[in-house]
Amino acid sequence: MDIKQLWLNVQDLWGALDEHPLLHSSLGLLVLLVVALLLGRVARYLILHAVKLLGRQPPLHWLNDLRHNKVFHRLAQMTPSLVIQFGLYLVPDLSKTATLFIGNVALAFTILFMTLAVSALLNALLDIYARTEHARTRSIKGYVQLAKMVLFVFAAIIIVATLIDRSPLLLLSGLGAMSAVILLVYKDTLLSFVASVQLTSNDMLRVGDWIEMPQVGADGDVVDITLHTVKVQNFDKTIVSIPTWRLMSESFKNWRGMQAS
């Protein structure tokens, strides 16, 4: 079979599909999906390969932190959903309802991967900060955890609003009516955040401080300060996790002054 005959056969097949709109649109969606996945693979390879090469240069070593935390991996994952969003209108015989539904689902995936990319970026910034001198005395892990929590809450609201094709403000107004329930559910988180801010801003506690809190069995060095807990390593290498808010509501002894003298 020569090329001309093959081309005529393809034209005949495509013309026959015009008589079956559902099959026509389904085939178009399948082609769009395959193209989107292929472009996603290509984008992932090109982005990660380029970042790996750039990260070898000393001034751009910070790119390695972004790569290890999969920031660029998450950004590359947005490619298929973006291709579907912009290529959806090229699919023939696709109804407005199907176009709207598939477009909203693709947009929801785009928002999801964008949120994961921002979350990974916050993790990378935390790793970069951990190598600085300030990280030895001032922990920002609690602030990063709170920022990620707020990020995911707002992202979830926007994704749900996108899927049901409603304004996010409508869902936010509903959350306003449930504010009492939300405050009850996140009571410990809010208390821990306020306590974490007070502890760090007043320099009451640092990583490396030796503290004593007999009521919880803590007598050792502070090894980690997060949004919800402070981890203390006792002299016998046991780890005690103390809720952050308890360090503000109850007394504890800090031996930093003796260590510094």
C-alpha atoms as a PDB file:
ATOM      1  CA  MET A   1       0.000   0.000   0.000  1.00  0.00           C
ATOM      2  CA  ASP A   2       1.484   3.332  -1.031  1.00  0.00           C
ATOM      3  CA  ILE A   3       1.393   6.541   0.982  1.00  0.00           C
ATOM      4  CA  LYS A   4      -1.346   8.074  -1.159  1.00  0.00           C
ATOM      5  CA  GLN A   5      -3.678   5.145  -0.584  1.00  0.00           C
ATOM      6  CA  LEU A   6      -2.941   5.192   3.148  1.00  0.00           C
ATOM      7  CA  TRP A   7      -3.773   8.898   3.291  1.00  0.00           C
ATOM      8  CA  LEU A   8      -7.062   8.300   1.461  1.00  0.00           C
ATOM      9  CA  ASN A   9      -7.951   5.544   3.919  1.00  0.00           C
ATOM     10  CA  VAL A  10      -7.260   7.861   6.852  1.00  0.00           C
ATOM     11  CA  GLN A  11      -9.477  10.529   5.289  1.00  0.00           C
ATOM     12  CA  ASP A  12     -12.264   8.006   4.779  1.00  0.00           C
ATOM     13  CA  LEU A  13     -11.986   6.872   8.396  1.00  0.00           C
ATOM     14  CA  TRP A  14     -12.016  10.447   9.681  1.00  0.00           C
ATOM     15  CA  GLY A  15     -15.023  11.238   7.490  1.00  0.00           C
ATOM     16  CA  ALA A  16     -16.860   8.219   8.862  1.00  0.00           C
ATOM     17  CA  LEU A  17     -16.269   9.498  12.395  1.00  0.00           C
ATOM     18  CA  ASP A  18     -18.268  12.629  11.555  1.00  0.00           C
ATOM     19  CA  GLU A  19     -21.347  10.423  11.547  1.00  0.00           C
ATOM     20  CA  HIS A  20     -20.613   9.342  15.162  1.00  0.00           C
ATOM     21  CA  PRO A  21     -19.999  12.527  17.241  1.00  0.00           C
ATOM     22  CA  LEU A  22     -19.541  10.640  20.523  1.00  0.00           C
ATOM     23  CA  LEU A  23     -16.865   8.382  19.050  1.00  0.00           C
ATOM     24  CA  HIS A  24     -15.309  11.415  17.343  1.00  0.00           C
ATOM     25  CA  SER A  25     -15.000  13.387  20.596  1.00  0.00           C
ATOM     26  CA  SER A  26     -13.835  10.323  22.577  1.00  0.00           C
ATOM     27  CA  LEU A  27     -11.031   9.713  20.093  1.00  0.00           C
ATOM     28  CA  GLY A  28     -10.084  13.396  20.250  1.00  0.00           C
ATOM     29  CA  LEU A  29      -9.939  13.274  24.063  1.00  0.00           C
ATOM     30  CA  LEU A  30      -7.789  10.142  23.924  1.00  0.00           C
ATOM     31  CA  VAL A  31      -5.343  11.825  21.540  1.00  0.00           C
ATOM     32  CA  LEU A  32      -5.252  14.937  23.752  1.00  0.00           C
ATOM     33  CA  LEU A  33      -4.576  12.826  26.853  1.00  0.00           C
ATOM     34  CA  VAL A  34      -1.729  10.932  25.171  1.00  0.00           C
ATOM     35  CA  VAL A  35      -0.169  14.185  23.922  1.00  0.00           C
ATOM     36  CA  ALA A  36      -0.508  15.752  27.387  1.00  0.00           C
ATOM     37  CA  LEU A  37       1.203  12.796  29.096  1.00  0.00           C
ATOM     38  CA  LEU A  38       4.013  12.735  26.529  1.00  0.00           C
ATOM     39  CA  LEU A  39       4.615  16.481  26.890  1.00  0.00           C
ATOM     40  CA  GLY A  40       4.598  16.015  30.662  1.00  0.00           C
ATOM     41  CA  ARG A  41       7.375  13.418  30.385  1.00  0.00           C
ATOM     42  CA  VAL A  42       9.375  15.655  28.066  1.00  0.00           C
ATOM     43  CA  ALA A  43       8.940  18.705  30.308  1.00  0.00           C
ATOM     44  CA  ARG A  44       9.975  16.716  33.385  1.00  0.00           C
ATOM     45  CA  TYR A  45      13.123  15.407  31.700  1.00  0.00           C
ATOM     46  CA  LEU A  46      14.157  18.792  30.297  1.00  0.00           C
ATOM     47  CA  ILE A  47      13.498  20.722  33.513  1.00  0.00           C
ATOM     48  CA  LEU A  48      15.198  18.246  35.855  1.00  0.00           C
ATOM     49  CA  HIS A  49      18.166  17.776  33.520  1.00  0.00           C
ATOM     50  CA  ALA A  50      18.656  21.538  33.146  1.00  0.00           C
ATOM     51  CA  VAL A  51      18.389  22.113  36.907  1.00  0.00           C
ATOM     52  CA  LYS A  52      20.860  19.295  37.596  1.00  0.00           C
ATOM     53  CA  LEU A  53      23.407  20.882  35.247  1.00  0.00           C
ATOM     54  CA  LEU A  54      22.894  24.381  36.679  1.00  0.00           C
ATOM     55  CA  GLY A  55      23.133  23.066  40.249  1.00  0.00           C
ATOM     56  CA  ARG A  56      26.743  22.004  39.670  1.00  0.00           C
ATOM     57  CA  GLN A  57      27.811  25.653  39.545  1.00  0.00           C
ATOM     58  CA  PRO A  58      28.813  26.963  43.012  1.00  0.00           C
ATOM     59  CA  PRO A  59      26.671  30.144  42.875  1.00  0.00           C
ATOM     60  CA  LEU A  60      23.600  28.031  42.069  1.00  0.00           C
ATOM     61  CA  HIS A  61      23.985  25.268  44.662  1.00  0.00           C
ATOM     62  CA  TRP A  62      20.686  26.360  46.196  1.00  0.00           C
ATOM     63  CA  LEU A  63      18.990  24.826  43.152  1.00  0.00           C
ATOM     64  CA  ASN A  64      19.978  21.417  44.530  1.00  0.00           C
ATOM     65  CA  ASP A  65      17.835  22.062  47.616  1.00  0.00           C
ATOM     66  CA  LEU A  66      14.891  22.854  45.366  1.00  0.00           C
ATOM     67  CA  ARG A  67      15.560  19.741  43.292  1.00  0.00           C
ATOM     68  CA  HIS A  68      15.925  17.429  46.311  1.00  0.00           C
ATOM     69  CA  ASN A  69      12.621  18.708  47.695  1.00  0.00           C
ATOM     70  CA  LYS A  70      10.981  18.031  44.286  1.00  0.00           C
ATOM     71  CA  VAL A  71       9.994  21.637  43.573  1.00  0.00           C
ATOM     72  CA  PHE A  72      10.732  21.296  39.859  1.00  0.00           C
ATOM     73  CA  HIS A  73       9.233  17.811  39.801  1.00  0.00           C
ATOM     74  CA  ARG A  74       5.932  19.254  41.041  1.00  0.00           C
ATOM     75  CA  LEU A  75       6.074  22.093  38.525  1.00  0.00           C
ATOM     76  CA  ALA A  76       6.648  19.609  35.692  1.00  0.00           C
ATOM     77  CA  GLN A  77       3.602  17.639  36.854  1.00  0.00           C
ATOM     78  CA  MET A  78       1.468  20.664  35.973  1.00  0.00           C
ATOM     79  CA  THR A  79       2.243  20.245  32.269  1.00  0.00           C
ATOM     80  CA  PRO A  80      -0.362  17.556  31.385  1.00  0.00           C
ATOM     81  CA  SER A  81      -3.224  19.399  33.082  1.00  0.00           C
ATOM     82  CA  LEU A  82      -2.217  22.688  31.439  1.00  0.00           C
ATOM     83  CA  VAL A  83      -2.081  21.016  28.017  1.00  0.00           C
ATOM     84  CA  ILE A  84      -5.549  19.558  28.566  1.00  0.00           C
ATOM     85  CA  GLN A  85      -6.901  22.934  29.708  1.00  0.00           C
ATOM     86  CA  PHE A  86      -5.690  24.788  26.628  1.00  0.00           C
ATOM     87  CA  GLY A  87      -6.141  21.918  24.157  1.00  0.00           C
ATOM     88  CA  LEU A  88      -9.633  20.959  25.230  1.00  0.00           C
ATOM     89  CA  TYR A  89     -11.254  23.418  22.832  1.00  0.00           C
ATOM     90  CA  LEU A  90      -9.563  21.698  19.883  1.00  0.00           C
ATOM     91  CA  VAL A  91     -11.453  18.457  20.528  1.00  0.00           C
ATOM     92  CA  PRO A  92     -14.252  18.153  17.935  1.00  0.00           C
ATOM     93  CA  ASP A  93     -17.900  17.518  18.794  1.00  0.00           C
ATOM     94  CA  LEU A  94     -17.316  17.922  22.539  1.00  0.00           C
ATOM     95  CA  SER A  95     -20.373  19.225  24.370  1.00  0.00           C
ATOM     96  CA  LYS A  96     -20.233  22.359  26.515  1.00  0.00           C
ATOM     97  CA  THR A  97     -21.038  20.333  29.629  1.00  0.00           C
ATOM     98  CA  ALA A  98     -18.169  17.901  29.004  1.00  0.00           C
ATOM     99  CA  THR A  99     -15.813  20.770  28.150  1.00  0.00           C
ATOM    100  CA  LEU A 100     -16.682  22.567  31.389  1.00  0.00           C
ATOM    101  CA  PHE A 101     -16.379  19.427  33.539  1.00  0.00           C
ATOM    102  CA  ILE A 102     -13.078  18.209  32.077  1.00  0.00           C
ATOM    103  CA  GLY A 103     -11.676  21.748  32.120  1.00  0.00           C
ATOM    104  CA  ASN A 104     -12.554  22.143  35.808  1.00  0.00           C
ATOM    105  CA  VAL A 105     -10.959  18.793  36.677  1.00  0.00           C
ATOM    106  CA  ALA A 106      -7.784  19.756  34.793  1.00  0.00           C
ATOM    107  CA  LEU A 107      -7.721  23.135  36.555  1.00  0.00           C
ATOM    108  CA  ALA A 108      -8.133  21.396  39.916  1.00  0.00           C
ATOM    109  CA  PHE A 109      -5.094  19.207  39.169  1.00  0.00           C
ATOM    110  CA  THR A 110      -3.129  22.316  38.161  1.00  0.00           C
ATOM    111  CA  ILE A 111      -3.978  23.997  41.471  1.00  0.00           C
ATOM    112  CA  LEU A 112      -3.089  20.810  43.368  1.00  0.00           C
ATOM    113  CA  PHE A 113       0.369  20.484  41.817  1.00  0.00           C
ATOM    114  CA  MET A 114       0.982  24.226  42.202  1.00  0.00           C
ATOM    115  CA  THR A 115       0.165  23.889  45.912  1.00  0.00           C
ATOM    116  CA  LEU A 116       2.512  20.914  46.255  1.00  0.00           C
ATOM    117  CA  ALA A 117       5.231  22.932  44.485  1.00  0.00           C
ATOM    118  CA  VAL A 118       4.834  25.839  46.929  1.00  0.00           C
ATOM    119  CA  SER A 119       4.888  23.383  49.845  1.00  0.00           C
ATOM    120  CA  ALA A 120       8.087  21.819  48.488  1.00  0.00           C
ATOM    121  CA  LEU A 121       9.545  25.317  48.073  1.00  0.00           C
ATOM    122  CA  LEU A 122       8.873  26.033  51.758  1.00  0.00           C
ATOM    123  CA  ASN A 123      10.654  22.780  52.676  1.00  0.00           C
ATOM    124  CA  ALA A 124      13.624  23.805  50.525  1.00  0.00           C
ATOM    125  CA  LEU A 125      13.789  27.242  52.153  1.00  0.00           C
ATOM    126  CA  LEU A 126      13.730  25.528  55.550  1.00  0.00           C
ATOM    127  CA  ASP A 127      16.688  23.346  54.517  1.00  0.00           C
ATOM    128  CA  ILE A 128      18.594  26.405  53.292  1.00  0.00           C
ATOM    129  CA  TYR A 129      17.871  28.264  56.531  1.00  0.00           C
ATOM    130  CA  ALA A 130      18.972  25.233  58.586  1.00  0.00           C
ATOM    131  CA  ARG A 131      22.541  25.727  57.311  1.00  0.00           C
ATOM    132  CA  THR A 132      22.759  29.320  58.557  1.00  0.00           C
ATOM    133  CA  GLU A 133      24.062  30.495  61.921  1.00  0.00           C
ATOM    134  CA  HIS A 134      20.649  31.790  62.980  1.00  0.00           C
ATOM    135  CA  ALA A 135      19.174  28.290  62.729  1.00  0.00           C
ATOM    136  CA  ARG A 136      21.248  27.176  65.718  1.00  0.00           C
ATOM    137  CA  THR A 137      19.327  29.481  68.025  1.00  0.00           C
ATOM    138  CA  ARG A 138      16.110  30.383  66.178  1.00  0.00           C
ATOM    139  CA  SER A 139      13.914  27.685  64.665  1.00  0.00           C
ATOM    140  CA  ILE A 140      11.400  28.661  61.976  1.00  0.00           C
ATOM    141  CA  LYS A 141       9.962  25.177  61.521  1.00  0.00           C
ATOM    142  CA  GLY A 142       6.792  26.140  63.379  1.00  0.00           C
ATOM    143  CA  TYR A 143       6.191  29.113  61.089  1.00  0.00           C
ATOM    144  CA  VAL A 144       6.767  26.966  58.004  1.00  0.00           C
ATOM    145  CA  GLN A 145       4.365  24.305  59.258  1.00  0.00           C
ATOM    146  CA  LEU A 146       1.704  26.934  59.921  1.00  0.00           C
ATOM    147  CA  ALA A 147       2.214  28.468  56.464  1.00  0.00           C
ATOM    148  CA  LYS A 148       1.817  25.031  54.856  1.00  0.00           C
ATOM    149  CA  MET A 149      -1.318  24.358  56.864  1.00  0.00           C
ATOM    150  CA  VAL A 150      -2.906  27.640  55.742  1.00  0.00           C
ATOM    151  CA  LEU A 151      -1.757  26.949  52.172  1.00  0.00           C
ATOM    152  CA  PHE A 152      -3.412  23.520  52.042  1.00  0.00           C
ATOM    153  CA  VAL A 153      -6.644  24.788  53.614  1.00  0.00           C
ATOM    154  CA  PHE A 154      -7.028  27.556  51.033  1.00  0.00           C
ATOM    155  CA  ALA A 155      -5.971  25.207  48.221  1.00  0.00           C
ATOM    156  CA  ALA A 156      -8.588  22.668  49.309  1.00  0.00           C
ATOM    157  CA  ILE A 157     -11.268  25.373  49.294  1.00  0.00           C
ATOM    158  CA  ILE A 158     -10.278  26.554  45.813  1.00  0.00           C
ATOM    159  CA  ILE A 159     -10.102  22.992  44.439  1.00  0.00           C
ATOM    160  CA  VAL A 160     -13.543  22.080  45.784  1.00  0.00           C
ATOM    161  CA  ALA A 161     -14.975  25.356  44.450  1.00  0.00           C
ATOM    162  CA  THR A 162     -13.423  24.615  41.053  1.00  0.00           C
ATOM    163  CA  LEU A 163     -14.837  21.091  40.884  1.00  0.00           C
ATOM    164  CA  ILE A 164     -18.370  22.207  41.753  1.00  0.00           C
ATOM    165  CA  ASP A 165     -18.026  25.329  39.569  1.00  0.00           C
ATOM    166  CA  ARG A 166     -18.796  27.754  42.385  1.00  0.00           C
ATOM    167  CA  SER A 167     -17.045  30.819  43.778  1.00  0.00           C
ATOM    168  CA  PRO A 168     -14.544  30.138  46.605  1.00  0.00           C
ATOM    169  CA  LEU A 169     -16.151  33.045  48.472  1.00  0.00           C
ATOM    170  CA  LEU A 170     -19.306  30.948  48.777  1.00  0.00           C
ATOM    171  CA  LEU A 171     -17.386  28.207  50.585  1.00  0.00           C
ATOM    172  CA  LEU A 172     -15.553  30.763  52.724  1.00  0.00           C
ATOM    173  CA  SER A 173     -18.869  32.225  53.848  1.00  0.00           C
ATOM    174  CA  GLY A 174     -19.921  28.739  54.883  1.00  0.00           C
ATOM    175  CA  LEU A 175     -16.699  28.328  56.842  1.00  0.00           C
ATOM    176  CA  GLY A 176     -17.443  31.622  58.579  1.00  0.00           C
ATOM    177  CA  ALA A 177     -20.660  30.129  59.914  1.00  0.00           C
ATOM    178  CA  MET A 178     -18.645  27.162  61.200  1.00  0.00           C
ATOM    179  CA  SER A 179     -15.980  29.331  62.848  1.00  0.00           C
ATOM    180  CA  ALA A 180     -16.822  28.042  66.328  1.00  0.00           C
ATOM    181  CA  VAL A 181     -16.352  24.431  65.217  1.00  0.00           C
ATOM    182  CA  ILE A 182     -13.126  25.318  63.389  1.00  0.00           C
ATOM    183  CA  LEU A 183     -11.733  27.074  66.467  1.00  0.00           C
ATOM    184  CA  LEU A 184     -12.578  24.018  68.564  1.00  0.00           C
ATOM    185  CA  VAL A 185     -10.900  21.618  66.128  1.00  0.00           C
ATOM    186  CA  TYR A 186      -7.753  23.735  65.726  1.00  0.00           C
ATOM    187  CA  LYS A 187      -7.582  24.914  69.336  1.00  0.00           C
ATOM    188  CA  ASP A 188      -4.282  23.149  70.056  1.00  0.00           C
ATOM    189  CA  THR A 189      -2.773  24.413  66.801  1.00  0.00           C
ATOM    190  CA  LEU A 190      -3.695  28.026  67.572  1.00  0.00           C
ATOM    191  CA  LEU A 191      -2.450  27.765  71.151  1.00  0.00           C
ATOM    192  CA  SER A 192       0.790  26.166  69.972  1.00  0.00           C
ATOM    193  CA  PHE A 193       1.323  28.858  67.343  1.00  0.00           C
ATOM    194  CA  VAL A 194       0.845  31.679  69.860  1.00  0.00           C
ATOM    195  CA  ALA A 195       3.145  29.914  72.312  1.00  0.00           C
ATOM    196  CA  SER A 196       5.777  29.327  69.612  1.00  0.00           C
ATOM    197  CA  VAL A 197       5.735  33.015  68.640  1.00  0.00           C
ATOM    198  CA  GLN A 198       6.095  34.108  72.267  1.00  0.00           C
ATOM    199  CA  LEU A 199       8.872  31.626  72.998  1.00  0.00           C
ATOM    200  CA  THR A 200      10.964  32.654  69.997  1.00  0.00           C
ATOM    201  CA  SER A 201      10.236  36.398  70.017  1.00  0.00           C
ATOM    202  CA  ASN A 202      11.060  36.685  73.732  1.00  0.00           C
ATOM    203  CA  ASP A 203      14.082  34.387  73.317  1.00  0.00           C
ATOM    204  CA  MET A 204      12.781  32.109  76.050  1.00  0.00           C
ATOM    205  CA  LEU A 205      13.797  28.913  74.292  1.00  0.00           C
ATOM    206  CA  ARG A 206      16.356  27.935  71.668  1.00  0.00           C
ATOM    207  CA  VAL A 207      17.514  24.744  70.031  1.00  0.00           C
ATOM    208  CA  GLY A 208      20.403  23.511  72.181  1.00  0.00           C
ATOM    209  CA  ASP A 209      19.089  24.904  75.480  1.00  0.00           C
ATOM    210  CA  TRP A 210      19.160  22.645  78.505  1.00  0.00           C
ATOM    211  CA  ILE A 211      15.729  22.788  80.131  1.00  0.00           C
ATOM    212  CA  GLU A 212      14.151  21.040  83.081  1.00  0.00           C
ATOM    213  CA  MET A 213      10.406  20.340  83.305  1.00  0.00           C
ATOM    214  CA  PRO A 214       9.807  17.618  85.935  1.00  0.00           C
ATOM    215  CA  GLN A 215       6.034  17.437  85.400  1.00  0.00           C
ATOM    216  CA  VAL A 216       6.576  15.923  81.935  1.00  0.00           C
ATOM    217  CA  GLY A 217       9.829  14.099  82.697  1.00  0.00           C
ATOM    218  CA  ALA A 218      12.011  16.447  80.641  1.00  0.00           C
ATOM    219  CA  ASP A 219      15.579  17.175  81.736  1.00  0.00           C
ATOM    220  CA  GLY A 220      17.928  17.644  78.792  1.00  0.00           C
ATOM    221  CA  ASP A 221      18.732  19.503  75.586  1.00  0.00           C
ATOM    222  CA  VAL A 222      16.145  20.953  73.210  1.00  0.00           C
ATOM    223  CA  VAL A 223      16.733  19.252  69.845  1.00  0.00           C
ATOM    224  CA  ASP A 224      13.754  20.495  67.831  1.00  0.00           C
ATOM    225  CA  ILE A 225      11.058  23.170  68.016  1.00  0.00           C
ATOM    226  CA  THR A 226       8.012  22.666  65.796  1.00  0.00           C
ATOM    227  CA  LEU A 227       4.536  24.141  65.631  1.00  0.00           C
ATOM    228  CA  HIS A 228       2.954  21.587  67.961  1.00  0.00           C
ATOM    229  CA  THR A 229       5.808  20.104  69.989  1.00  0.00           C
ATOM    230  CA  VAL A 230       9.215  20.771  71.482  1.00  0.00           C
ATOM    231  CA  LYS A 231      11.500  17.727  71.548  1.00  0.00           C
ATOM    232  CA  VAL A 232      13.894  17.349  74.471  1.00  0.00           C
ATOM    233  CA  GLN A 233      16.659  14.738  74.603  1.00  0.00           C
ATOM    234  CA  ASN A 234      17.299  13.677  78.191  1.00  0.00           C
ATOM    235  CA  PHE A 235      20.700  12.702  79.553  1.00  0.00           C
ATOM    236  CA  ASP A 236      19.839   9.014  79.001  1.00  0.00           C
ATOM    237  CA  LYS A 237      19.095   9.737  75.277  1.00  0.00           C
ATOM    238  CA  THR A 238      15.341   9.344  75.718  1.00  0.00           C
ATOM    239  CA  ILE A 239      13.189  11.846  73.813  1.00  0.00           C
ATOM    240  CA  VAL A 240      10.357  13.763  75.460  1.00  0.00           C
ATOM    241  CA  SER A 241       7.840  15.586  73.250  1.00  0.00           C
ATOM    242  CA  ILE A 242       6.229  18.546  75.011  1.00  0.00           C
ATOM    243  CA  PRO A 243       3.209  20.389  73.553  1.00  0.00           C
ATOM    244  CA  THR A 244       4.414  23.901  72.775  1.00  0.00           C
ATOM    245  CA  TRP A 245       1.544  25.596  74.601  1.00  0.00           C
ATOM    246  CA  ARG A 246       2.489  23.860  77.876  1.00  0.00           C
ATOM    247  CA  LEU A 247       5.794  25.720  77.906  1.00  0.00           C
ATOM    248  CA  MET A 248       3.798  28.962  78.177  1.00  0.00           C
ATOM    249  CA  SER A 249       1.095  27.775  80.559  1.00  0.00           C
ATOM    250  CA  GLU A 250       3.447  25.895  82.904  1.00  0.00           C
ATOM    251  CA  SER A 251       6.838  26.720  84.371  1.00  0.00           C
ATOM    252  CA  PHE A 252      10.146  25.249  83.237  1.00  0.00           C
ATOM    253  CA  LYS A 253      13.779  25.853  84.121  1.00  0.00           C
ATOM    254  CA  ASN A 254      16.238  26.930  81.407  1.00  0.00           C
ATOM    255  CA  TRP A 255      19.933  26.358  82.218  1.00  0.00           C
ATOM    256  CA  ARG A 256      21.188  28.475  79.305  1.00  0.00           C
ATOM    257  CA  GLY A 257      22.660  31.110  81.625  1.00  0.00           C
ATOM    258  CA  MET A 258      24.742  28.508  83.456  1.00  0.00           C
ATOM    259  CA  GLN A 259      25.918  27.016  80.169  1.00  0.00           C
ATOM    260  CA  ALA A 260      26.941  30.423  78.832  1.00  0.00           C
ATOM    261  CA  SER A 261      28.851  31.415  81.985  1.00  0.00           C
END
